[in-house]
N, C-alpha and C. Protein backbone atom coordinates (compact mmCIF):
# COMPACT_ATOMS: atom_id res chain seq x y z
N MET A 1 21.74 -24.98 47.33
CA MET A 1 21.66 -24.26 46.39
C MET A 1 23.43 -23.76 46.09
N THR A 2 23.87 -23.90 44.75
CA THR A 2 25.04 -23.29 44.31
C THR A 2 25.31 -21.94 44.22
N ASN A 3 26.78 -21.42 44.66
CA ASN A 3 26.82 -20.16 45.13
C ASN A 3 27.39 -19.51 43.30
N LEU A 4 26.70 -18.78 42.56
CA LEU A 4 26.30 -18.33 41.42
C LEU A 4 27.33 -16.90 41.44
N THR A 5 28.12 -16.42 41.10
CA THR A 5 29.17 -15.29 40.81
C THR A 5 28.35 -14.75 40.27
N PRO A 6 28.90 -12.91 40.89
CA PRO A 6 28.05 -12.12 40.36
C PRO A 6 27.56 -11.88 38.74
N LYS A 7 28.56 -12.39 38.20
CA LYS A 7 28.50 -12.11 36.33
C LYS A 7 27.25 -13.22 36.03
N GLU A 8 27.13 -14.27 36.97
CA GLU A 8 25.65 -15.35 36.30
C GLU A 8 24.51 -14.46 37.46
N PHE A 9 24.55 -13.70 38.44
CA PHE A 9 23.45 -13.44 39.47
C PHE A 9 23.34 -12.48 39.37
N PRO A 10 23.83 -11.23 38.80
CA PRO A 10 23.90 -9.92 39.02
C PRO A 10 23.25 -9.09 39.33
N PHE A 11 23.07 -8.23 40.30
CA PHE A 11 22.48 -7.18 41.51
C PHE A 11 21.34 -7.99 41.81
N LYS A 12 22.18 -8.81 42.75
CA LYS A 12 21.66 -9.94 43.74
C LYS A 12 20.57 -9.00 44.90
N GLU A 13 21.53 -8.06 45.56
CA GLU A 13 21.29 -7.50 46.12
C GLU A 13 20.33 -6.37 45.94
N GLU A 14 19.75 -6.12 44.73
CA GLU A 14 19.02 -5.03 44.44
C GLU A 14 18.01 -5.69 43.84
N THR A 15 18.08 -6.93 43.27
CA THR A 15 16.33 -7.86 43.03
C THR A 15 15.85 -8.37 44.04
N TYR A 16 16.79 -8.33 45.20
CA TYR A 16 15.88 -8.87 46.23
C TYR A 16 15.45 -7.20 47.26
N GLU A 17 15.82 -6.27 47.07
CA GLU A 17 14.95 -5.38 47.50
C GLU A 17 13.86 -5.15 46.59
N ILE A 18 13.94 -4.68 45.64
CA ILE A 18 12.78 -5.00 44.44
C ILE A 18 11.81 -5.87 45.19
N ILE A 19 12.42 -7.04 45.10
CA ILE A 19 11.23 -7.65 45.48
C ILE A 19 10.54 -8.33 46.86
N GLY A 20 11.53 -7.61 48.05
CA GLY A 20 11.02 -7.60 48.80
C GLY A 20 10.00 -5.89 48.85
N ALA A 21 10.34 -5.21 48.58
CA ALA A 21 9.31 -4.30 48.52
C ALA A 21 7.84 -4.58 47.62
N ALA A 22 8.09 -5.72 46.12
CA ALA A 22 6.85 -5.88 45.71
C ALA A 22 5.93 -7.03 46.87
N MET A 23 6.48 -7.89 47.78
CA MET A 23 6.42 -8.60 48.48
C MET A 23 5.16 -7.56 49.64
N GLU A 24 5.74 -6.58 49.97
CA GLU A 24 5.09 -5.99 51.36
C GLU A 24 3.73 -5.17 50.55
N ALA A 25 3.86 -4.89 49.52
CA ALA A 25 2.82 -3.95 48.51
C ALA A 25 1.25 -5.24 48.53
N HIS A 26 2.16 -6.77 48.28
CA HIS A 26 1.22 -7.48 47.64
C HIS A 26 0.69 -8.47 48.86
N LYS A 27 1.06 -8.51 50.25
CA LYS A 27 1.20 -8.51 51.10
C LYS A 27 -0.18 -7.43 51.62
N ILE A 28 0.08 -6.39 51.78
CA ILE A 28 -0.94 -5.78 52.43
C ILE A 28 -2.34 -5.37 51.68
N LEU A 29 -1.78 -5.42 49.96
CA LEU A 29 -3.18 -5.34 49.03
C LEU A 29 -3.74 -6.43 48.72
N GLY A 30 -3.25 -7.55 48.07
CA GLY A 30 -3.76 -9.03 48.14
C GLY A 30 -3.42 -8.86 46.83
N SER A 31 -4.78 -10.19 46.05
CA SER A 31 -4.78 -9.76 44.62
C SER A 31 -6.51 -9.12 44.43
N GLY A 32 -6.66 -9.23 43.32
CA GLY A 32 -7.93 -8.11 42.87
C GLY A 32 -7.61 -7.21 42.67
N PHE A 33 -6.79 -6.45 42.17
CA PHE A 33 -6.98 -5.08 42.28
C PHE A 33 -6.36 -4.89 40.66
N LEU A 34 -6.41 -3.87 40.24
CA LEU A 34 -5.65 -3.46 38.71
C LEU A 34 -4.03 -3.09 38.85
N GLU A 35 -3.56 -3.72 37.68
CA GLU A 35 -2.35 -3.26 37.77
C GLU A 35 -2.07 -1.96 38.16
N GLY A 36 -2.36 -0.88 37.86
CA GLY A 36 -2.21 0.43 37.94
C GLY A 36 -2.15 1.09 39.54
N VAL A 37 -3.05 0.12 40.39
CA VAL A 37 -3.39 0.26 42.01
C VAL A 37 -2.01 -0.43 42.25
N TYR A 38 -1.42 -1.93 41.76
CA TYR A 38 -0.23 -1.80 42.57
C TYR A 38 1.43 -1.51 42.13
N GLN A 39 1.20 -0.76 40.87
CA GLN A 39 2.28 0.37 40.67
C GLN A 39 2.37 1.38 41.62
N GLU A 40 1.09 2.19 41.75
CA GLU A 40 1.39 2.82 42.53
C GLU A 40 1.71 2.58 43.74
N ALA A 41 1.21 1.49 44.52
CA ALA A 41 1.29 1.04 45.66
C ALA A 41 3.22 0.73 45.97
N LEU A 42 3.59 0.39 44.79
CA LEU A 42 5.28 -0.19 44.25
C LEU A 42 6.25 0.65 44.40
N SER A 43 5.34 1.95 44.12
CA SER A 43 5.85 3.07 43.88
C SER A 43 6.47 3.93 45.46
N ILE A 44 5.24 4.00 46.23
CA ILE A 44 5.17 4.14 47.55
C ILE A 44 6.54 3.50 48.07
N GLU A 45 6.31 1.89 47.94
CA GLU A 45 6.40 1.17 49.02
C GLU A 45 8.57 1.16 48.34
N PHE A 46 9.18 1.44 47.15
CA PHE A 46 10.31 1.71 46.84
C PHE A 46 10.48 3.15 47.39
N LYS A 47 9.88 4.40 47.44
CA LYS A 47 10.24 5.31 47.84
C LYS A 47 10.56 5.30 49.86
N THR A 48 9.64 4.41 50.12
CA THR A 48 10.03 3.91 51.48
C THR A 48 11.13 3.56 52.07
N ARG A 49 11.96 2.16 51.30
CA ARG A 49 12.64 1.47 51.38
C ARG A 49 14.24 2.40 50.55
N ASN A 50 14.01 3.44 50.18
CA ASN A 50 14.69 4.29 49.40
C ASN A 50 15.64 3.22 48.39
N ILE A 51 14.56 2.83 47.20
CA ILE A 51 15.15 1.91 46.21
C ILE A 51 14.95 3.54 45.00
N LYS A 52 15.37 3.90 44.44
CA LYS A 52 16.09 4.77 43.42
C LYS A 52 15.23 4.11 41.96
N ASN A 53 14.43 4.68 41.59
CA ASN A 53 13.48 4.50 40.14
C ASN A 53 12.75 5.55 39.70
N GLU A 54 12.18 5.02 38.14
CA GLU A 54 11.57 5.92 37.71
C GLU A 54 9.91 5.38 36.94
N ARG A 55 9.23 5.49 36.71
CA ARG A 55 8.09 5.10 37.06
C ARG A 55 7.26 5.15 35.67
N GLU A 56 7.09 4.53 34.51
CA GLU A 56 6.66 4.34 33.28
C GLU A 56 7.63 5.15 31.89
N VAL A 57 8.49 4.14 31.91
CA VAL A 57 9.69 4.79 31.30
C VAL A 57 9.46 4.46 29.95
N PRO A 58 9.51 5.74 28.76
CA PRO A 58 9.67 5.61 27.54
C PRO A 58 10.80 4.45 27.36
N LEU A 59 10.46 3.58 26.49
CA LEU A 59 11.80 3.14 25.82
C LEU A 59 12.11 2.91 24.05
N GLN A 60 13.03 3.63 23.72
CA GLN A 60 13.27 3.64 22.26
C GLN A 60 13.08 1.90 21.48
N ILE A 61 13.01 2.28 20.64
CA ILE A 61 13.32 1.55 19.80
C ILE A 61 14.20 1.57 18.48
N GLN A 62 15.62 0.88 18.51
CA GLN A 62 16.11 1.07 17.04
C GLN A 62 16.21 0.18 16.32
N TYR A 63 16.24 0.69 14.69
CA TYR A 63 15.77 -0.33 13.78
C TYR A 63 16.99 0.21 13.08
N LYS A 64 18.03 -0.92 12.88
CA LYS A 64 19.44 0.13 11.80
C LYS A 64 19.42 0.99 12.08
N ASP A 65 19.75 2.40 11.74
CA ASP A 65 20.48 3.13 12.49
C ASP A 65 19.25 4.19 12.37
N LEU A 66 17.70 3.82 12.42
CA LEU A 66 16.78 4.63 12.77
C LEU A 66 16.00 4.40 14.23
N VAL A 67 15.61 5.63 15.12
CA VAL A 67 14.35 5.10 16.29
C VAL A 67 13.30 5.31 15.78
N LEU A 68 12.59 4.15 15.69
CA LEU A 68 11.09 3.92 15.53
C LEU A 68 10.05 5.20 16.38
N SER A 69 8.89 5.10 15.81
CA SER A 69 8.06 6.31 16.49
C SER A 69 7.55 5.09 17.43
N LYS A 70 7.22 4.03 17.91
CA LYS A 70 6.30 3.14 18.49
C LYS A 70 7.46 3.06 20.01
N LYS A 71 7.04 3.60 21.02
CA LYS A 71 7.83 3.09 22.16
C LYS A 71 7.54 2.12 22.73
N TYR A 72 8.12 1.32 23.61
CA TYR A 72 7.55 0.37 24.74
C TYR A 72 7.91 1.25 26.10
N ILE A 73 6.86 1.11 27.28
CA ILE A 73 6.72 1.97 28.27
C ILE A 73 6.84 0.56 29.36
N ALA A 74 7.90 1.14 29.76
CA ALA A 74 8.50 0.56 30.99
C ALA A 74 7.99 0.29 32.65
N ASP A 75 7.37 -0.38 33.00
CA ASP A 75 6.68 -0.26 34.28
C ASP A 75 7.68 0.78 35.84
N PHE A 76 8.85 0.24 35.30
CA PHE A 76 9.45 0.90 36.23
C PHE A 76 11.34 0.58 35.91
N ILE A 77 12.19 1.69 35.89
CA ILE A 77 13.70 0.85 35.90
C ILE A 77 13.87 1.27 37.18
N CYS A 78 14.52 0.45 38.37
CA CYS A 78 15.13 0.44 39.48
C CYS A 78 16.66 0.79 39.24
N TYR A 79 17.55 1.59 40.05
CA TYR A 79 18.66 1.98 40.10
C TYR A 79 19.25 1.98 39.06
N ASP A 80 18.39 2.45 37.72
CA ASP A 80 18.96 2.89 36.17
C ASP A 80 19.74 1.53 35.84
N LYS A 81 19.34 0.29 36.16
CA LYS A 81 19.96 -0.79 35.28
C LYS A 81 18.96 -2.10 35.43
N ILE A 82 17.83 -2.12 36.26
CA ILE A 82 16.89 -2.96 36.22
C ILE A 82 15.10 -2.48 35.59
N ILE A 83 14.90 -3.57 34.97
CA ILE A 83 13.54 -3.23 34.68
C ILE A 83 12.37 -4.29 35.15
N VAL A 84 11.75 -3.31 35.77
CA VAL A 84 10.57 -4.29 36.43
C VAL A 84 8.86 -3.50 35.68
N GLU A 85 8.39 -5.01 35.35
CA GLU A 85 7.36 -5.39 34.70
C GLU A 85 6.28 -5.81 35.63
N LEU A 86 5.14 -5.08 35.62
CA LEU A 86 4.27 -5.29 36.91
C LEU A 86 3.18 -6.14 35.68
N LYS A 87 2.51 -7.08 36.36
CA LYS A 87 1.03 -7.73 36.11
C LYS A 87 0.35 -8.00 37.17
N ALA A 88 -1.11 -7.98 36.97
CA ALA A 88 -2.03 -8.29 37.68
C ALA A 88 -3.39 -9.52 37.23
N LEU A 89 -2.68 -10.97 36.72
CA LEU A 89 -3.34 -11.83 35.73
C LEU A 89 -3.05 -13.27 36.94
N ASN A 90 -4.16 -13.78 36.43
CA ASN A 90 -4.06 -15.20 37.16
C ASN A 90 -2.94 -16.31 36.73
N GLU A 91 -2.55 -15.78 35.57
CA GLU A 91 -1.21 -16.68 36.09
C GLU A 91 -0.12 -16.01 34.67
N LEU A 92 0.86 -16.15 34.71
CA LEU A 92 2.12 -15.27 33.79
C LEU A 92 1.94 -16.68 32.84
N CYS A 93 2.59 -15.75 31.31
CA CYS A 93 2.90 -17.26 30.34
C CYS A 93 3.91 -16.56 29.71
N GLY A 94 4.43 -17.36 28.47
CA GLY A 94 5.85 -17.10 27.97
C GLY A 94 5.60 -15.70 27.24
N GLU A 95 4.41 -14.93 27.03
CA GLU A 95 4.07 -13.58 26.24
C GLU A 95 5.15 -12.73 27.27
N HIS A 96 4.52 -12.98 28.23
CA HIS A 96 5.31 -11.89 29.47
C HIS A 96 6.21 -12.20 29.94
N GLU A 97 7.15 -13.07 29.77
CA GLU A 97 8.70 -12.68 29.88
C GLU A 97 9.09 -12.26 28.35
N ALA A 98 8.65 -12.87 27.37
CA ALA A 98 9.41 -11.91 26.27
C ALA A 98 9.58 -10.67 25.94
N GLN A 99 7.98 -9.98 26.49
CA GLN A 99 7.63 -9.30 26.42
C GLN A 99 9.26 -8.06 27.71
N VAL A 100 9.60 -9.04 28.86
CA VAL A 100 10.71 -7.84 29.73
C VAL A 100 12.02 -8.34 28.33
N LEU A 101 11.80 -9.53 28.21
CA LEU A 101 13.12 -9.79 27.26
C LEU A 101 13.42 -8.58 26.28
N ASN A 102 12.35 -8.41 25.76
CA ASN A 102 12.37 -7.29 24.45
C ASN A 102 12.99 -5.30 25.23
N TYR A 103 12.37 -5.40 25.93
CA TYR A 103 12.72 -4.92 27.11
C TYR A 103 13.83 -4.41 27.35
N LEU A 104 14.74 -5.17 27.59
CA LEU A 104 15.98 -5.71 28.08
C LEU A 104 17.16 -5.47 26.33
N LYS A 105 16.61 -6.18 25.72
CA LYS A 105 17.18 -6.23 24.25
C LYS A 105 17.10 -4.37 23.97
N THR A 106 16.17 -3.92 24.39
CA THR A 106 15.99 -2.66 23.67
C THR A 106 17.17 -1.09 24.47
N THR A 107 17.37 -1.90 25.73
CA THR A 107 17.73 -0.78 26.67
C THR A 107 19.45 -1.39 27.00
N ASN A 108 19.88 -2.44 25.98
CA ASN A 108 20.81 -3.38 26.65
C ASN A 108 21.06 -3.52 28.00
N PHE A 109 20.26 -3.21 29.16
CA PHE A 109 20.26 -3.66 30.34
C PHE A 109 20.43 -5.39 30.43
N LYS A 110 20.86 -5.85 31.57
CA LYS A 110 21.45 -7.32 31.61
C LYS A 110 19.95 -8.21 32.69
N VAL A 111 19.27 -7.04 33.38
CA VAL A 111 18.13 -8.10 34.72
C VAL A 111 16.98 -7.23 33.99
N GLY A 112 16.10 -7.92 33.99
CA GLY A 112 14.66 -7.52 34.74
C GLY A 112 13.41 -8.38 35.56
N ILE A 113 12.71 -7.93 35.80
CA ILE A 113 12.05 -8.68 36.85
C ILE A 113 10.85 -8.81 36.66
N LEU A 114 9.66 -9.94 36.51
CA LEU A 114 8.13 -9.30 36.02
C LEU A 114 7.59 -9.97 37.39
N LEU A 115 6.57 -9.09 37.57
CA LEU A 115 6.15 -9.35 38.92
C LEU A 115 4.62 -9.51 38.49
N ASN A 116 3.94 -10.42 39.50
CA ASN A 116 2.19 -10.51 38.85
C ASN A 116 1.74 -10.57 40.44
N PHE A 117 1.04 -9.65 40.94
CA PHE A 117 -0.08 -9.64 41.63
C PHE A 117 -1.24 -10.46 41.41
N GLY A 118 -1.34 -10.72 40.50
CA GLY A 118 -2.97 -11.03 40.52
C GLY A 118 -3.23 -12.88 41.10
N CYS A 119 -2.32 -13.38 41.61
CA CYS A 119 -2.79 -14.64 42.77
C CYS A 119 -2.60 -14.17 43.95
N LYS A 120 -2.85 -15.87 44.65
CA LYS A 120 -2.75 -15.43 46.12
C LYS A 120 -1.40 -15.02 46.55
N SER A 121 -0.34 -15.79 45.87
CA SER A 121 0.53 -15.27 46.93
C SER A 121 1.24 -14.71 45.62
N LEU A 122 2.49 -13.85 45.54
CA LEU A 122 2.84 -12.88 44.71
C LEU A 122 4.15 -13.99 43.81
N GLN A 123 3.46 -13.50 42.44
CA GLN A 123 4.67 -14.54 41.33
C GLN A 123 5.65 -13.54 41.10
N TYR A 124 7.21 -13.63 41.01
CA TYR A 124 8.22 -13.19 40.46
C TYR A 124 9.24 -13.90 39.68
N LYS A 125 9.56 -13.15 38.70
CA LYS A 125 10.85 -13.60 38.00
C LYS A 125 12.00 -13.05 37.58
N ARG A 126 12.48 -13.81 37.67
CA ARG A 126 14.13 -12.82 37.30
C ARG A 126 14.84 -13.11 36.22
N ILE A 127 14.98 -12.26 35.35
CA ILE A 127 15.50 -12.56 33.75
C ILE A 127 16.44 -11.76 33.74
N VAL A 128 17.09 -12.66 32.92
CA VAL A 128 18.56 -12.35 32.61
C VAL A 128 19.09 -12.63 31.17
N LEU A 129 19.43 -11.53 31.18
CA LEU A 129 19.96 -11.82 29.17
C LEU A 129 21.36 -12.52 29.70
C-alpha cells in the first residue's frame, strides 16, 4: 500500500476508531436488525471508546443566500468533522454514496463514512471530498 499524505487520507486515526467501533457493534449484533438498533448500539460504543459524537444532526441546506426549510439529518457527526451515515441493507448502491457526498457538500466537511450493517460482514466506505 502506498503511504498517503494527511491531505490525501485526512483524519486517518479518527476514521479507524469509528470503523472499529462499528465493527464491534456488528460483531455483537450481527445483521438483520433495523438501522435504528445499530445507531443506538454504535452510540453506546462511541461513548465507551470516548469518540466525540452528535447523533441525528440536522444539516442546513443553502440555496444562493437563503437557507432552505428542508434539512438533511446526519446519523452522526464525529469529532466535529466526520459525517457517519448508517444503513442496514442487503447491499449499498451509488445512491447511498451520493447521500454522503451531499452531506459533505452541505457541511463543507471533507470526510464521510458510510456503514452498512445489513450484510454478514460490516461494509464500510470512506468518502473524501
